[in-house]
Amino acid sequence: MNPVVLRTVARMMTPVLLLLSLVLTVRGHNAPGGGFVGGLLAASAFFLYFIASDARTVQRLVRAHPVILMAVGLLVILGSGTLPMLFGRPFLTGLWTRVSGPWGSEIDLGTPLLFDLGVYLVVFGTTLSFMLSMEKGSEEEEDNERRGA
């Protein structure tokens, strides 16, 4: 495939895939989807960009280290689990509230959405870390081949 075409497609598809990953994550507590699927789709969007360019470009786009994303995700998961305990409920019990939405609609928000967002960050960070480590491994192999080792 022509690298120019691949780069153009990656530039156009990455935002679309990221938006779709967020939609899948947000609707996951009421319908099929969730943080795991959303996180994988977000990582796939950046993997497409990774194939079209390189690891440095992906790192510049993400702006956060994958380990930070994983840690924040785990903290969000822990927070969504312990929040009900502040109200005398068991760990990971869903707490819900109804918020006024656009055009007179009402939106149900709850701790399951926080849990899904935490899973999204953990899966995205883990997959991104794996992807970037593959690049480091291939760079080390190229260096060894140049040195004749």
C-alpha atoms as a PDB file:
ATOM      1  CA  MET A   1       0.000   0.000   0.000  1.00  0.00           C
ATOM      2  CA  ASN A   2       1.144   3.510  -0.763  1.00  0.00           C
ATOM      3  CA  PRO A   3       2.445   5.143   2.464  1.00  0.00           C
ATOM      4  CA  VAL A   4       0.816   8.462   1.535  1.00  0.00           C
ATOM      5  CA  VAL A   5      -2.582   6.790   1.230  1.00  0.00           C
ATOM      6  CA  LEU A   6      -2.074   4.923   4.509  1.00  0.00           C
ATOM      7  CA  ARG A   7      -1.075   8.113   6.348  1.00  0.00           C
ATOM      8  CA  THR A   8      -4.070   9.971   4.931  1.00  0.00           C
ATOM      9  CA  VAL A   9      -6.480   7.187   5.900  1.00  0.00           C
ATOM     10  CA  ALA A  10      -4.922   6.974   9.378  1.00  0.00           C
ATOM     11  CA  ARG A  11      -5.278  10.738   9.876  1.00  0.00           C
ATOM     12  CA  MET A  12      -8.933  10.614   8.853  1.00  0.00           C
ATOM     13  CA  MET A  13      -9.923   7.407  10.652  1.00  0.00           C
ATOM     14  CA  THR A  14      -8.193   7.923  14.015  1.00  0.00           C
ATOM     15  CA  PRO A  15     -10.617  10.624  15.258  1.00  0.00           C
ATOM     16  CA  VAL A  16     -13.610   8.625  14.001  1.00  0.00           C
ATOM     17  CA  LEU A  17     -12.428   5.455  15.751  1.00  0.00           C
ATOM     18  CA  LEU A  18     -11.711   7.384  18.967  1.00  0.00           C
ATOM     19  CA  LEU A  19     -15.196   8.895  18.948  1.00  0.00           C
ATOM     20  CA  LEU A  20     -16.720   5.476  18.318  1.00  0.00           C
ATOM     21  CA  SER A  21     -14.659   4.024  21.182  1.00  0.00           C
ATOM     22  CA  LEU A  22     -16.059   6.654  23.549  1.00  0.00           C
ATOM     23  CA  VAL A  23     -19.622   5.993  22.361  1.00  0.00           C
ATOM     24  CA  LEU A  24     -19.172   2.256  22.958  1.00  0.00           C
ATOM     25  CA  THR A  25     -17.755   2.946  26.412  1.00  0.00           C
ATOM     26  CA  VAL A  26     -20.489   5.350  27.502  1.00  0.00           C
ATOM     27  CA  ARG A  27     -23.360   3.164  26.344  1.00  0.00           C
ATOM     28  CA  GLY A  28     -21.733  -0.027  27.655  1.00  0.00           C
ATOM     29  CA  HIS A  29     -23.461  -0.070  31.033  1.00  0.00           C
ATOM     30  CA  ASN A  30     -26.911  -0.180  29.387  1.00  0.00           C
ATOM     31  CA  ALA A  31     -26.167  -1.941  26.079  1.00  0.00           C
ATOM     32  CA  PRO A  32     -23.426  -4.005  24.425  1.00  0.00           C
ATOM     33  CA  GLY A  33     -20.074  -2.310  24.669  1.00  0.00           C
ATOM     34  CA  GLY A  34     -18.197  -1.044  27.669  1.00  0.00           C
ATOM     35  CA  GLY A  35     -14.754  -0.009  28.728  1.00  0.00           C
ATOM     36  CA  PHE A  36     -12.941  -3.092  27.468  1.00  0.00           C
ATOM     37  CA  VAL A  37     -14.280  -2.866  23.920  1.00  0.00           C
ATOM     38  CA  GLY A  38     -13.900   0.917  23.885  1.00  0.00           C
ATOM     39  CA  GLY A  39     -10.311   0.738  25.119  1.00  0.00           C
ATOM     40  CA  LEU A  40      -9.409  -1.838  22.481  1.00  0.00           C
ATOM     41  CA  LEU A  41     -10.964   0.287  19.750  1.00  0.00           C
ATOM     42  CA  ALA A  42      -9.059   3.379  20.944  1.00  0.00           C
ATOM     43  CA  ALA A  43      -5.817   1.399  20.943  1.00  0.00           C
ATOM     44  CA  SER A  44      -6.652   0.109  17.458  1.00  0.00           C
ATOM     45  CA  ALA A  45      -7.053   3.680  16.246  1.00  0.00           C
ATOM     46  CA  PHE A  46      -3.574   4.528  17.459  1.00  0.00           C
ATOM     47  CA  PHE A  47      -2.228   1.224  16.133  1.00  0.00           C
ATOM     48  CA  LEU A  48      -3.411   2.289  12.678  1.00  0.00           C
ATOM     49  CA  TYR A  49      -1.540   5.562  13.173  1.00  0.00           C
ATOM     50  CA  PHE A  50       1.481   3.594  14.468  1.00  0.00           C
ATOM     51  CA  ILE A  51       1.598   1.514  11.271  1.00  0.00           C
ATOM     52  CA  ALA A  52       1.282   4.623   9.111  1.00  0.00           C
ATOM     53  CA  SER A  53       3.998   6.576  10.939  1.00  0.00           C
ATOM     54  CA  ASP A  54       6.095   5.621  13.984  1.00  0.00           C
ATOM     55  CA  ALA A  55       6.094   5.285  17.767  1.00  0.00           C
ATOM     56  CA  ARG A  56       7.262   8.864  18.398  1.00  0.00           C
ATOM     57  CA  THR A  57       4.284  10.259  16.504  1.00  0.00           C
ATOM     58  CA  VAL A  58       1.874   8.096  18.511  1.00  0.00           C
ATOM     59  CA  GLN A  59       3.524   9.124  21.805  1.00  0.00           C
ATOM     60  CA  ARG A  60       3.242  12.776  20.797  1.00  0.00           C
ATOM     61  CA  LEU A  61      -0.460  12.335  19.962  1.00  0.00           C
ATOM     62  CA  VAL A  62      -1.358  10.502  23.172  1.00  0.00           C
ATOM     63  CA  ARG A  63       0.622  12.937  25.387  1.00  0.00           C
ATOM     64  CA  ALA A  64       0.358  10.663  28.444  1.00  0.00           C
ATOM     65  CA  HIS A  65       2.635   7.768  29.287  1.00  0.00           C
ATOM     66  CA  PRO A  66       0.787   4.427  29.059  1.00  0.00           C
ATOM     67  CA  VAL A  67       1.665   3.588  32.678  1.00  0.00           C
ATOM     68  CA  ILE A  68       0.012   6.849  33.798  1.00  0.00           C
ATOM     69  CA  LEU A  69      -3.121   5.912  31.838  1.00  0.00           C
ATOM     70  CA  MET A  70      -3.182   2.485  33.491  1.00  0.00           C
ATOM     71  CA  ALA A  71      -2.662   3.956  36.974  1.00  0.00           C
ATOM     72  CA  VAL A  72      -5.389   6.578  36.529  1.00  0.00           C
ATOM     73  CA  GLY A  73      -7.722   3.880  35.197  1.00  0.00           C
ATOM     74  CA  LEU A  74      -7.092   1.681  38.231  1.00  0.00           C
ATOM     75  CA  LEU A  75      -7.729   4.639  40.545  1.00  0.00           C
ATOM     76  CA  VAL A  76     -11.017   5.394  38.760  1.00  0.00           C
ATOM     77  CA  ILE A  77     -12.047   1.727  39.084  1.00  0.00           C
ATOM     78  CA  LEU A  78     -11.149   1.747  42.775  1.00  0.00           C
ATOM     79  CA  GLY A  79     -13.031   5.023  43.255  1.00  0.00           C
ATOM     80  CA  SER A  80     -16.138   3.680  41.535  1.00  0.00           C
ATOM     81  CA  GLY A  81     -16.035   0.675  43.842  1.00  0.00           C
ATOM     82  CA  THR A  82     -15.433   2.529  47.101  1.00  0.00           C
ATOM     83  CA  LEU A  83     -17.840   5.423  46.465  1.00  0.00           C
ATOM     84  CA  PRO A  84     -20.895   3.310  47.429  1.00  0.00           C
ATOM     85  CA  MET A  85     -19.177   2.411  50.712  1.00  0.00           C
ATOM     86  CA  LEU A  86     -19.368   6.096  51.703  1.00  0.00           C
ATOM     87  CA  PHE A  87     -23.161   5.708  51.557  1.00  0.00           C
ATOM     88  CA  GLY A  88     -23.222   2.478  53.568  1.00  0.00           C
ATOM     89  CA  ARG A  89     -23.537   0.230  50.529  1.00  0.00           C
ATOM     90  CA  PRO A  90     -21.347  -2.770  49.614  1.00  0.00           C
ATOM     91  CA  PHE A  91     -18.227  -2.403  47.452  1.00  0.00           C
ATOM     92  CA  LEU A  92     -19.018  -1.984  43.711  1.00  0.00           C
ATOM     93  CA  THR A  93     -22.747  -1.388  44.272  1.00  0.00           C
ATOM     94  CA  GLY A  94     -24.119   0.828  41.522  1.00  0.00           C
ATOM     95  CA  LEU A  95     -25.119   4.344  42.545  1.00  0.00           C
ATOM     96  CA  TRP A  96     -27.337   6.193  40.091  1.00  0.00           C
ATOM     97  CA  THR A  97     -28.509   9.728  39.557  1.00  0.00           C
ATOM     98  CA  ARG A  98     -30.673  11.276  36.883  1.00  0.00           C
ATOM     99  CA  VAL A  99     -29.391  14.387  35.094  1.00  0.00           C
ATOM    100  CA  SER A 100     -31.281  16.685  32.737  1.00  0.00           C
ATOM    101  CA  GLY A 101     -30.011  16.222  29.212  1.00  0.00           C
ATOM    102  CA  PRO A 102     -30.413  18.168  25.998  1.00  0.00           C
ATOM    103  CA  TRP A 103     -33.879  18.792  24.546  1.00  0.00           C
ATOM    104  CA  GLY A 104     -35.673  17.899  27.763  1.00  0.00           C
ATOM    105  CA  SER A 105     -34.289  14.379  27.976  1.00  0.00           C
ATOM    106  CA  GLU A 106     -32.979  12.742  31.123  1.00  0.00           C
ATOM    107  CA  ILE A 107     -29.708  10.834  31.375  1.00  0.00           C
ATOM    108  CA  ASP A 108     -28.970   8.160  33.977  1.00  0.00           C
ATOM    109  CA  LEU A 109     -25.418   8.459  35.294  1.00  0.00           C
ATOM    110  CA  GLY A 110     -23.876   6.056  37.738  1.00  0.00           C
ATOM    111  CA  THR A 111     -20.800   4.415  39.120  1.00  0.00           C
ATOM    112  CA  PRO A 112     -20.898   1.652  36.454  1.00  0.00           C
ATOM    113  CA  LEU A 113     -19.995   4.356  33.922  1.00  0.00           C
ATOM    114  CA  LEU A 114     -17.015   5.359  36.085  1.00  0.00           C
ATOM    115  CA  PHE A 115     -15.998   1.709  36.257  1.00  0.00           C
ATOM    116  CA  ASP A 116     -16.217   1.440  32.455  1.00  0.00           C
ATOM    117  CA  LEU A 117     -14.121   4.593  32.017  1.00  0.00           C
ATOM    118  CA  GLY A 118     -11.496   3.133  34.337  1.00  0.00           C
ATOM    119  CA  VAL A 119     -11.433  -0.125  32.384  1.00  0.00           C
ATOM    120  CA  TYR A 120     -11.169   1.931  29.167  1.00  0.00           C
ATOM    121  CA  LEU A 121      -8.048   3.679  30.461  1.00  0.00           C
ATOM    122  CA  VAL A 122      -6.446   0.460  31.740  1.00  0.00           C
ATOM    123  CA  VAL A 123      -7.054  -1.434  28.487  1.00  0.00           C
ATOM    124  CA  PHE A 124      -5.986   1.520  26.330  1.00  0.00           C
ATOM    125  CA  GLY A 125      -2.831   2.093  28.385  1.00  0.00           C
ATOM    126  CA  THR A 126      -1.908  -1.598  28.454  1.00  0.00           C
ATOM    127  CA  THR A 127      -2.400  -2.075  24.726  1.00  0.00           C
ATOM    128  CA  LEU A 128      -0.561   1.155  23.941  1.00  0.00           C
ATOM    129  CA  SER A 129       2.325   0.077  26.171  1.00  0.00           C
ATOM    130  CA  PHE A 130       2.517  -3.253  24.359  1.00  0.00           C
ATOM    131  CA  MET A 131       2.457  -1.527  20.974  1.00  0.00           C
ATOM    132  CA  LEU A 132       5.206   0.938  21.887  1.00  0.00           C
ATOM    133  CA  SER A 133       7.364  -1.830  23.366  1.00  0.00           C
ATOM    134  CA  MET A 134       7.151  -3.694  20.044  1.00  0.00           C
ATOM    135  CA  GLU A 135       8.724  -0.656  18.393  1.00  0.00           C
ATOM    136  CA  LYS A 136      11.520  -0.593  20.983  1.00  0.00           C
ATOM    137  CA  GLY A 137      12.188  -4.287  20.377  1.00  0.00           C
ATOM    138  CA  SER A 138      12.458  -3.806  16.612  1.00  0.00           C
ATOM    139  CA  GLU A 139      14.805  -0.820  17.101  1.00  0.00           C
ATOM    140  CA  GLU A 140      17.082  -2.940  19.324  1.00  0.00           C
ATOM    141  CA  GLU A 141      17.127  -5.740  16.734  1.00  0.00           C
ATOM    142  CA  GLU A 142      18.086  -3.267  13.997  1.00  0.00           C
ATOM    143  CA  ASP A 143      20.893  -1.877  16.169  1.00  0.00           C
ATOM    144  CA  ASN A 144      22.204  -5.402  16.825  1.00  0.00           C
ATOM    145  CA  GLU A 145      22.114  -6.224  13.101  1.00  0.00           C
ATOM    146  CA  ARG A 146      24.061  -3.040  12.263  1.00  0.00           C
ATOM    147  CA  ARG A 147      26.701  -3.897  14.849  1.00  0.00           C
ATOM    148  CA  GLY A 148      26.908  -7.459  13.547  1.00  0.00           C
ATOM    149  CA  ALA A 149      25.858  -9.103  16.805  1.00  0.00           C
END
